[in-house]
Amino acid sequence: MSNIVPEGNGFVMKQDGSIVAEVTYKPHGDGVLILDHTYVSPELRGQNIAQQLVLKVVEHARQTGNKIIPACSYAHAQFRRHQEYRDVWANPDA
């Protein structure tokens, strides 16, 4: 299995050329990214891959000076659990 790599507006993990996990975001203007989708194939669930994907978006936002709106329910839960993401959370009181 390969590592998590950037692809389009997100990050993916591929296995044998097929996407087995992904996270996507949409630029929302004024330096904001809407993190709108997280997916991990059933056979890979329970391995913290989705958490790693969200962290990739957080790291990307830090490097580019963007803020994130975690619109996907999984991402929103991760932002609530991880206080260290507050620096890139566009609205931490939401």
C-alpha atoms as a PDB file:
ATOM      1  CA  MET A   1       0.000   0.000   0.000  1.00  0.00           C
ATOM      2  CA  SER A   2       1.255   3.459  -0.809  1.00  0.00           C
ATOM      3  CA  ASN A   3       1.372   6.561   1.356  1.00  0.00           C
ATOM      4  CA  ILE A   4      -1.118   9.386   1.476  1.00  0.00           C
ATOM      5  CA  VAL A   5      -0.465  11.751  -1.439  1.00  0.00           C
ATOM      6  CA  PRO A   6      -2.042  14.993  -2.654  1.00  0.00           C
ATOM      7  CA  GLU A   7      -4.486  14.671  -5.529  1.00  0.00           C
ATOM      8  CA  GLY A   8      -6.708  17.462  -6.802  1.00  0.00           C
ATOM      9  CA  ASN A   9      -8.322  19.268  -3.878  1.00  0.00           C
ATOM     10  CA  GLY A  10      -7.500  16.607  -1.333  1.00  0.00           C
ATOM     11  CA  PHE A  11      -5.358  13.661  -0.400  1.00  0.00           C
ATOM     12  CA  VAL A  12      -5.680   9.999  -1.322  1.00  0.00           C
ATOM     13  CA  MET A  13      -4.274   6.631  -0.416  1.00  0.00           C
ATOM     14  CA  LYS A  14      -4.041   4.147  -3.272  1.00  0.00           C
ATOM     15  CA  GLN A  15      -3.658   0.406  -3.309  1.00  0.00           C
ATOM     16  CA  ASP A  16      -2.895  -1.347  -6.599  1.00  0.00           C
ATOM     17  CA  GLY A  17      -3.722   1.881  -8.444  1.00  0.00           C
ATOM     18  CA  SER A  18      -7.172   2.290  -6.893  1.00  0.00           C
ATOM     19  CA  ILE A  19      -8.175   4.871  -4.311  1.00  0.00           C
ATOM     20  CA  VAL A  20      -8.875   3.143  -0.991  1.00  0.00           C
ATOM     21  CA  ALA A  21      -9.079   6.262   1.189  1.00  0.00           C
ATOM     22  CA  GLU A  22      -9.543   9.957   0.492  1.00  0.00           C
ATOM     23  CA  VAL A  23     -10.276  13.356   1.948  1.00  0.00           C
ATOM     24  CA  THR A  24     -11.440  16.309  -0.134  1.00  0.00           C
ATOM     25  CA  TYR A  25     -11.854  20.029   0.379  1.00  0.00           C
ATOM     26  CA  LYS A  26     -13.196  22.941  -1.620  1.00  0.00           C
ATOM     27  CA  PRO A  27     -11.571  26.369  -1.664  1.00  0.00           C
ATOM     28  CA  HIS A  28     -14.118  28.842  -0.289  1.00  0.00           C
ATOM     29  CA  GLY A  29     -12.344  32.127  -0.982  1.00  0.00           C
ATOM     30  CA  ASP A  30     -10.529  34.389   1.445  1.00  0.00           C
ATOM     31  CA  GLY A  31      -8.158  31.619   2.518  1.00  0.00           C
ATOM     32  CA  VAL A  32     -10.810  29.145   3.676  1.00  0.00           C
ATOM     33  CA  LEU A  33     -11.050  25.460   2.769  1.00  0.00           C
ATOM     34  CA  ILE A  34     -14.254  23.493   3.295  1.00  0.00           C
ATOM     35  CA  LEU A  35     -13.264  19.975   4.310  1.00  0.00           C
ATOM     36  CA  ASP A  36     -16.288  18.210   2.834  1.00  0.00           C
ATOM     37  CA  HIS A  37     -15.582  14.487   2.485  1.00  0.00           C
ATOM     38  CA  THR A  38     -13.629  11.719   4.188  1.00  0.00           C
ATOM     39  CA  TYR A  39     -13.738   8.091   3.038  1.00  0.00           C
ATOM     40  CA  VAL A  40     -11.858   4.937   3.982  1.00  0.00           C
ATOM     41  CA  SER A  41     -12.669   1.596   2.376  1.00  0.00           C
ATOM     42  CA  PRO A  42     -14.273  -0.903   4.766  1.00  0.00           C
ATOM     43  CA  GLU A  43     -11.282  -3.235   4.831  1.00  0.00           C
ATOM     44  CA  LEU A  44      -9.002  -0.426   6.068  1.00  0.00           C
ATOM     45  CA  ARG A  45     -11.281   1.081   8.711  1.00  0.00           C
ATOM     46  CA  GLY A  46     -10.116   1.084  12.312  1.00  0.00           C
ATOM     47  CA  GLN A  47      -6.502   1.877  11.391  1.00  0.00           C
ATOM     48  CA  ASN A  48      -6.647   5.667  11.962  1.00  0.00           C
ATOM     49  CA  ILE A  49      -6.331   6.328   8.239  1.00  0.00           C
ATOM     50  CA  ALA A  50      -9.179   8.866   8.206  1.00  0.00           C
ATOM     51  CA  GLN A  51      -7.488  10.712  11.056  1.00  0.00           C
ATOM     52  CA  GLN A  52      -4.234  10.764   9.065  1.00  0.00           C
ATOM     53  CA  LEU A  53      -6.108  12.155   6.058  1.00  0.00           C
ATOM     54  CA  VAL A  54      -7.636  14.978   8.103  1.00  0.00           C
ATOM     55  CA  LEU A  55      -4.195  15.749   9.531  1.00  0.00           C
ATOM     56  CA  LYS A  56      -2.840  16.092   5.981  1.00  0.00           C
ATOM     57  CA  VAL A  57      -5.430  18.798   5.266  1.00  0.00           C
ATOM     58  CA  VAL A  58      -4.580  20.516   8.560  1.00  0.00           C
ATOM     59  CA  GLU A  59      -0.873  20.488   7.664  1.00  0.00           C
ATOM     60  CA  HIS A  60      -1.680  21.779   4.172  1.00  0.00           C
ATOM     61  CA  ALA A  61      -3.745  24.634   5.656  1.00  0.00           C
ATOM     62  CA  ARG A  62      -0.893  25.563   7.984  1.00  0.00           C
ATOM     63  CA  GLN A  63       1.612  25.602   5.118  1.00  0.00           C
ATOM     64  CA  THR A  64      -0.621  27.719   2.893  1.00  0.00           C
ATOM     65  CA  GLY A  65      -2.013  30.024   5.587  1.00  0.00           C
ATOM     66  CA  ASN A  66      -5.583  28.801   5.128  1.00  0.00           C
ATOM     67  CA  LYS A  67      -8.351  28.124   7.625  1.00  0.00           C
ATOM     68  CA  ILE A  68     -10.643  25.084   7.528  1.00  0.00           C
ATOM     69  CA  ILE A  69     -14.383  24.641   7.901  1.00  0.00           C
ATOM     70  CA  PRO A  70     -14.805  20.949   8.823  1.00  0.00           C
ATOM     71  CA  ALA A  71     -18.158  20.335   7.075  1.00  0.00           C
ATOM     72  CA  CYS A  72     -17.901  16.543   6.967  1.00  0.00           C
ATOM     73  CA  SER A  73     -19.149  14.956  10.198  1.00  0.00           C
ATOM     74  CA  TYR A  74     -15.975  12.904  10.722  1.00  0.00           C
ATOM     75  CA  ALA A  75     -13.714  15.927  10.236  1.00  0.00           C
ATOM     76  CA  HIS A  76     -15.873  18.029  12.550  1.00  0.00           C
ATOM     77  CA  ALA A  77     -15.573  15.372  15.274  1.00  0.00           C
ATOM     78  CA  GLN A  78     -11.791  15.293  14.812  1.00  0.00           C
ATOM     79  CA  PHE A  79     -11.558  19.072  15.112  1.00  0.00           C
ATOM     80  CA  ARG A  80     -13.560  18.923  18.341  1.00  0.00           C
ATOM     81  CA  ARG A  81     -11.255  16.190  19.752  1.00  0.00           C
ATOM     82  CA  HIS A  82      -7.957  17.761  18.723  1.00  0.00           C
ATOM     83  CA  GLN A  83      -7.361  21.151  20.309  1.00  0.00           C
ATOM     84  CA  GLU A  84      -4.146  21.427  18.298  1.00  0.00           C
ATOM     85  CA  TYR A  85      -6.268  21.996  15.156  1.00  0.00           C
ATOM     86  CA  ARG A  86      -7.785  25.218  16.560  1.00  0.00           C
ATOM     87  CA  ASP A  87      -5.166  27.358  14.827  1.00  0.00           C
ATOM     88  CA  VAL A  88      -6.616  26.428  11.430  1.00  0.00           C
ATOM     89  CA  TRP A  89     -10.290  26.045  12.398  1.00  0.00           C
ATOM     90  CA  ALA A  90     -12.240  28.856  10.731  1.00  0.00           C
ATOM     91  CA  ASN A  91     -14.942  28.829  13.432  1.00  0.00           C
ATOM     92  CA  PRO A  92     -13.924  26.784  16.480  1.00  0.00           C
ATOM     93  CA  ASP A  93     -17.110  27.732  18.339  1.00  0.00           C
ATOM     94  CA  ALA A  94     -19.349  26.048  15.732  1.00  0.00           C
END
